[in-house]
Protein backbone atom coordinates (compact mmCIF):
# COMPACT_ATOMS: atom_id res chain seq x y z
CA MET A 1 -73.58 -1.04 -131.14
CA PRO A 2 -74.92 -1.52 -127.59
CA GLU A 3 -72.65 -3.21 -125.06
CA ILE A 4 -74.18 -6.49 -123.92
CA ARG A 5 -73.04 -8.27 -120.75
CA ILE A 6 -74.41 -11.41 -119.08
CA VAL A 7 -73.87 -11.58 -115.35
CA ASP A 8 -74.17 -14.67 -113.09
CA VAL A 9 -76.22 -14.04 -109.98
CA THR A 10 -73.96 -15.15 -107.15
CA ASP A 11 -74.04 -12.36 -104.54
CA GLU A 12 -76.02 -9.37 -103.35
CA SER A 13 -74.61 -6.99 -105.97
CA SER A 14 -75.55 -9.24 -108.88
CA PHE A 15 -78.91 -10.09 -107.23
CA ALA A 16 -79.69 -6.35 -107.20
CA LEU A 17 -79.43 -6.33 -110.99
CA ILE A 18 -82.50 -8.56 -111.48
CA PRO A 19 -85.11 -6.43 -113.28
CA ARG A 20 -88.62 -6.10 -111.92
CA CYS A 21 -91.49 -7.93 -113.55
CA ALA A 22 -93.58 -6.15 -116.12
CA ASP A 23 -96.64 -6.87 -113.94
CA PRO A 24 -96.02 -5.28 -110.48
CA GLY A 25 -98.05 -8.06 -108.82
CA PHE A 26 -95.20 -10.50 -109.55
CA ASP A 27 -91.55 -10.32 -108.66
CA HIS A 28 -88.64 -12.48 -109.85
CA ARG A 29 -86.74 -11.38 -106.77
CA THR A 30 -89.21 -13.00 -104.35
CA CYS A 31 -90.63 -15.88 -106.44
CA ASP A 32 -90.33 -19.36 -105.01
CA TYR A 33 -92.89 -20.98 -107.32
CA TRP A 34 -90.46 -23.57 -108.71
CA GLU A 35 -88.58 -24.16 -105.47
CA ASP A 36 -91.72 -24.94 -103.39
CA ALA A 37 -94.07 -27.36 -105.15
CA ASP A 38 -96.80 -27.04 -102.49
CA ARG A 39 -96.88 -23.38 -101.45
CA GLY A 40 -94.63 -21.61 -103.94
CA SER A 41 -95.77 -18.26 -105.26
CA LYS A 42 -94.73 -15.74 -107.93
CA ALA A 43 -96.17 -12.86 -105.91
CA ALA A 44 -94.27 -9.72 -105.05
CA ARG A 45 -93.28 -9.85 -101.36
CA LEU A 46 -91.22 -6.78 -100.43
CA SER A 47 -90.25 -8.21 -97.03
CA TRP A 48 -88.30 -10.94 -98.78
CA LEU A 49 -85.93 -8.35 -100.17
CA GLU A 50 -84.81 -7.45 -96.67
CA ARG A 51 -81.79 -9.00 -95.04
CA GLY A 52 -82.71 -11.80 -92.66
CA ALA A 53 -85.85 -12.84 -94.55
CA ALA A 54 -84.17 -16.15 -95.54
CA THR A 55 -84.18 -17.25 -91.91
CA ASP A 56 -87.79 -16.35 -91.14
CA ALA A 57 -89.07 -19.90 -90.67
CA PRO A 58 -91.53 -21.23 -88.06
CA ALA A 59 -89.98 -23.05 -85.14
CA ARG A 60 -90.03 -26.83 -85.36
CA PRO A 61 -92.13 -28.57 -82.70
CA ARG A 62 -90.22 -30.34 -79.96
CA THR A 63 -90.05 -34.08 -80.39
CA GLY A 64 -88.52 -35.07 -77.07
CA ASN A 65 -85.50 -36.43 -78.91
CA PRO A 66 -82.46 -34.42 -77.76
CA PHE A 67 -80.69 -35.16 -81.08
CA LEU A 68 -83.53 -33.73 -83.15
CA ASP A 69 -84.96 -30.78 -81.23
CA ASP A 70 -83.88 -27.32 -82.21
CA ALA A 71 -83.32 -26.71 -78.53
CA ALA A 72 -81.09 -29.75 -78.09
CA LYS A 73 -78.15 -27.50 -77.26
CA GLU A 74 -79.91 -26.68 -73.95
CA ASN A 75 -80.24 -30.39 -73.03
CA PRO A 76 -77.41 -31.44 -70.66
CA PHE A 77 -77.73 -35.04 -71.79
CA ASN A 78 -76.73 -34.36 -75.43
CA PRO A 79 -72.99 -35.28 -75.63
CA PHE A 80 -72.76 -33.81 -79.14
CA ALA A 81 -73.98 -30.34 -78.23
CA ALA A 82 -72.02 -27.51 -76.73
CA GLY A 83 -73.71 -25.19 -74.28
CA ARG A 84 -74.59 -24.52 -70.73
CA GLY A 85 -74.09 -27.53 -68.50
CA SER A 86 -73.22 -29.95 -71.27
CA ALA A 87 -70.17 -32.13 -71.58
CA ALA A 88 -67.56 -31.23 -74.14
CA ASN A 89 -67.93 -32.77 -77.56
CA PRO A 90 -65.06 -35.27 -77.85
CA PHE A 91 -65.38 -35.22 -81.67
CA ALA A 92 -65.07 -31.42 -82.00
CA PRO A 93 -61.73 -29.58 -82.08
CA ALA A 94 -60.69 -27.98 -78.82
CA ARG A 95 -61.37 -24.29 -78.63
CA ASP A 96 -57.72 -23.52 -78.08
CA GLU A 97 -56.65 -25.65 -81.02
CA PRO A 98 -55.00 -23.58 -83.78
CA ASP A 99 -57.35 -22.81 -86.63
CA ASP A 100 -54.76 -23.64 -89.24
CA ASN A 101 -53.16 -27.07 -89.25
CA PRO A 102 -49.93 -26.83 -91.30
CA PHE A 103 -49.92 -30.59 -91.82
CA ALA A 104 -53.49 -30.83 -93.15
CA PRO A 105 -54.43 -30.07 -96.77
CA HIS A 106 -55.98 -26.66 -97.22
CA ARG A 107 -59.59 -26.78 -98.36
CA PRO A 108 -60.66 -23.97 -100.67
CA THR A 109 -63.32 -21.66 -99.30
CA LYS A 110 -66.69 -22.58 -100.75
CA PRO A 111 -68.69 -19.74 -102.31
CA ALA A 112 -71.70 -18.75 -100.24
CA VAL A 113 -73.90 -15.81 -99.42
CA ALA A 114 -74.45 -14.28 -96.02
CA ALA A 115 -76.68 -16.17 -93.61
CA ASP A 116 -79.10 -13.20 -93.50
CA ALA A 117 -79.18 -12.65 -97.27
CA PRO A 118 -82.58 -12.01 -98.93
CA ARG A 119 -84.60 -15.19 -99.13
CA LYS A 120 -84.57 -15.49 -102.93
CA LEU A 121 -80.82 -14.93 -103.06
CA ALA A 122 -80.38 -17.69 -100.50
CA LEU A 123 -82.42 -20.02 -102.76
CA LEU A 124 -80.32 -19.07 -105.81
CA ALA A 125 -77.13 -19.66 -103.85
CA ARG A 126 -77.94 -23.21 -102.68
CA GLY A 127 -75.83 -24.82 -105.37
CA LEU A 128 -72.97 -22.37 -105.61
CA ALA A 129 -70.38 -24.70 -104.10
CA VAL A 130 -71.30 -27.65 -106.37
CA PHE A 131 -73.28 -26.55 -109.40
CA GLY A 132 -72.50 -22.87 -109.74
CA SER A 133 -74.86 -20.04 -110.53
CA TYR A 134 -78.60 -20.69 -110.77
CA ALA A 135 -79.42 -17.41 -112.54
CA LYS A 136 -78.18 -14.89 -115.07
CA VAL A 137 -79.05 -11.27 -115.86
CA MET A 138 -78.46 -9.60 -119.24
CA LEU A 139 -77.37 -5.99 -119.28
CA VAL A 140 -77.50 -3.75 -122.33
CA ASP A 141 -75.41 -0.61 -121.82
CA ASP A 142 -75.54 -1.42 -118.10
CA VAL A 143 -79.34 -1.57 -118.03
CA ALA A 144 -80.91 -4.91 -117.03
CA VAL A 145 -83.17 -6.13 -119.81
CA ALA A 146 -83.59 -9.87 -119.20
CA TRP A 147 -83.32 -12.51 -116.51
CA THR A 148 -83.30 -16.31 -116.40
CA GLN A 149 -83.27 -19.00 -113.70
CA PHE A 150 -82.03 -22.53 -114.30
CA GLY A 151 -80.22 -25.41 -112.68
CA PRO A 152 -80.32 -29.14 -112.04
CA LEU A 153 -83.77 -30.71 -111.97
CA SER A 154 -83.33 -31.65 -108.31
CA ALA A 155 -83.23 -27.95 -107.37
CA TYR A 156 -86.83 -27.35 -108.50
CA PRO A 157 -89.46 -29.64 -106.86
CA ARG A 158 -92.30 -28.21 -108.93
CA ALA A 159 -90.50 -29.21 -112.15
CA LEU A 160 -89.96 -32.67 -110.73
CA ARG A 161 -93.68 -32.96 -109.94
CA LEU A 162 -94.71 -31.71 -113.32
CA ARG A 163 -92.33 -34.10 -115.02
CA GLU A 164 -93.89 -37.05 -113.19
CA LEU A 165 -97.06 -36.46 -115.23
CA TYR A 166 -95.27 -37.60 -118.36
CA PRO A 167 -93.64 -41.08 -118.19
CA GLN A 168 -92.59 -40.74 -121.82
CA LEU A 169 -89.89 -38.25 -120.85
CA PRO A 170 -86.47 -39.88 -120.54
CA ASP A 171 -85.28 -40.56 -116.99
CA ALA A 172 -81.58 -40.87 -117.74
CA PRO A 173 -79.62 -38.78 -117.95
CA LEU A 174 -81.81 -36.29 -116.12
CA PRO A 175 -81.87 -32.89 -117.81
CA ALA A 176 -81.07 -29.48 -116.51
CA VAL A 177 -84.03 -27.12 -116.50
CA ILE A 178 -84.67 -23.49 -117.34
CA THR A 179 -87.58 -22.48 -115.10
CA CYS A 180 -87.79 -18.78 -115.89
CA ILE A 181 -87.05 -16.43 -118.75
CA ALA A 182 -88.24 -12.85 -118.85
CA THR A 183 -87.46 -9.49 -120.40
CA THR A 184 -88.54 -6.05 -119.43
CA ARG A 185 -91.48 -4.70 -121.39
CA GLU A 186 -89.23 -2.11 -123.08
CA ALA A 187 -86.80 -4.77 -124.30
CA ARG A 188 -89.27 -7.21 -125.82
CA GLU A 189 -89.06 -8.41 -129.42
CA LEU A 190 -85.36 -7.48 -129.64
CA GLY A 191 -83.95 -11.00 -129.33
CA TYR A 192 -82.41 -10.58 -125.89
CA ALA A 193 -84.28 -13.49 -124.27
CA GLN A 194 -83.30 -15.84 -127.13
CA ARG A 195 -79.67 -14.82 -126.74
CA LEU A 196 -79.78 -15.32 -123.00
CA VAL A 197 -81.27 -18.82 -123.43
CA GLY A 198 -78.49 -19.66 -125.89
CA THR A 199 -75.87 -18.59 -123.33
CA VAL A 200 -77.48 -20.70 -120.63
CA CYS A 201 -77.57 -23.76 -122.88
CA GLY A 202 -73.89 -23.38 -123.64
CA ASP A 203 -73.13 -22.97 -119.94
CA LEU A 204 -75.13 -26.11 -119.06
CA ALA A 205 -73.33 -28.11 -121.76
CA ASP A 206 -70.00 -27.00 -120.30
CA ARG A 207 -71.21 -28.19 -116.89
CA GLY A 208 -71.78 -31.67 -118.27
CA PHE A 209 -75.50 -31.76 -119.04
CA SER A 210 -76.66 -33.47 -122.22
CA ALA A 211 -80.17 -32.00 -122.31
CA VAL A 212 -82.22 -29.12 -120.95
CA GLU A 213 -85.98 -28.81 -120.52
CA ALA A 214 -88.42 -25.97 -119.93
CA TYR A 215 -92.06 -25.95 -118.91
CA PRO A 216 -93.89 -23.12 -120.70
CA ALA A 217 -97.49 -22.06 -120.32
CA ARG A 218 -100.41 -21.81 -122.70
CA GLY A 219 -103.45 -19.58 -122.46
CA VAL A 220 -102.02 -17.05 -119.99
CA ASP A 221 -101.06 -13.43 -120.28
CA GLU A 222 -97.41 -12.95 -121.20
CA ASP A 223 -96.84 -10.87 -118.06
CA ALA A 224 -98.24 -13.69 -115.85
CA THR A 225 -95.93 -16.47 -116.93
CA SER A 226 -92.29 -16.90 -116.06
CA ALA A 227 -91.63 -19.67 -118.57
CA ALA A 228 -92.64 -18.06 -121.90
CA THR A 229 -94.56 -20.00 -124.55
CA PRO A 230 -93.81 -23.18 -126.54
CA GLU A 231 -93.33 -21.02 -129.63
CA PHE A 232 -90.58 -19.05 -127.91
CA TRP A 233 -88.67 -22.20 -127.00
CA VAL A 234 -89.05 -23.75 -130.48
CA ALA A 235 -87.50 -20.57 -131.91
CA ALA A 236 -84.64 -21.07 -129.41
CA GLY A 237 -83.84 -24.52 -130.75
CA PHE A 238 -86.03 -26.65 -128.46
CA ALA A 239 -88.45 -29.35 -129.58
CA VAL A 240 -91.88 -29.93 -128.10
CA ALA A 241 -91.45 -33.15 -126.11
CA VAL A 242 -94.97 -33.18 -124.64
CA ASP A 243 -97.68 -31.28 -126.48
CA ASP A 244 -100.09 -30.89 -123.59
CA GLU A 245 -102.87 -28.31 -123.75
CA ARG A 246 -101.97 -26.78 -120.41
CA PHE A 247 -98.52 -27.99 -119.35
CA PRO A 248 -96.36 -28.69 -122.39
CA VAL A 249 -92.71 -29.68 -122.07
CA VAL A 250 -89.94 -28.54 -124.41
CA ARG A 251 -86.53 -30.13 -124.62
CA ARG A 252 -83.21 -29.38 -126.27
CA GLU A 253 -80.33 -31.84 -126.62
CA LEU A 254 -77.01 -30.21 -125.79
């Protein structure tokens, strides 16, 4: 019997396990389609796999407000900024103050990834300290065969926007969502994706969610969709909540 393991994506080593898409034009490791409702893309972007890509953002325009500008630390009139020529911040600890206060309660270190981590890993790590992992990889005999992305609805603006199209969907309690499910071409039709979805649903139930939704596609090639088909989700225990021709919604009570 093959050895099956399911790994939470929480750091660079687990991020490196994510298998490549069957279609080389797409890449799970650089996709921000669900995280960016306006400009998100599923395209393969090799530069995003490099360290530091998560911080490659255009500079914000100066507003003239020293409390808003990115360059406020250079403004001598900002009493809350430290820097050349500025007054000390009376609300910040002194630099010579001991780092460890023996009389203060110790706060546990929050899980996080490096500031220069690959951009997609940074997106997946946004909720580590509160929600936990946003993704899982399935390994069979140490070979990655399937991947899934999920999380609270608030983490995925495109899902929020799509959901607004259907007022018949319940607003409370808000569901968790599974945005992506994929297997390698070699591992298809072996039940791995179904098993991975079942694990995610159990995980979400343990985290306190009472329902989970997914937003599959119709009429597209199986290599071009990250959310499978309605038929896949029905086989995984979901019900079709919105039977739309283009953007159906499936839902499973937990």
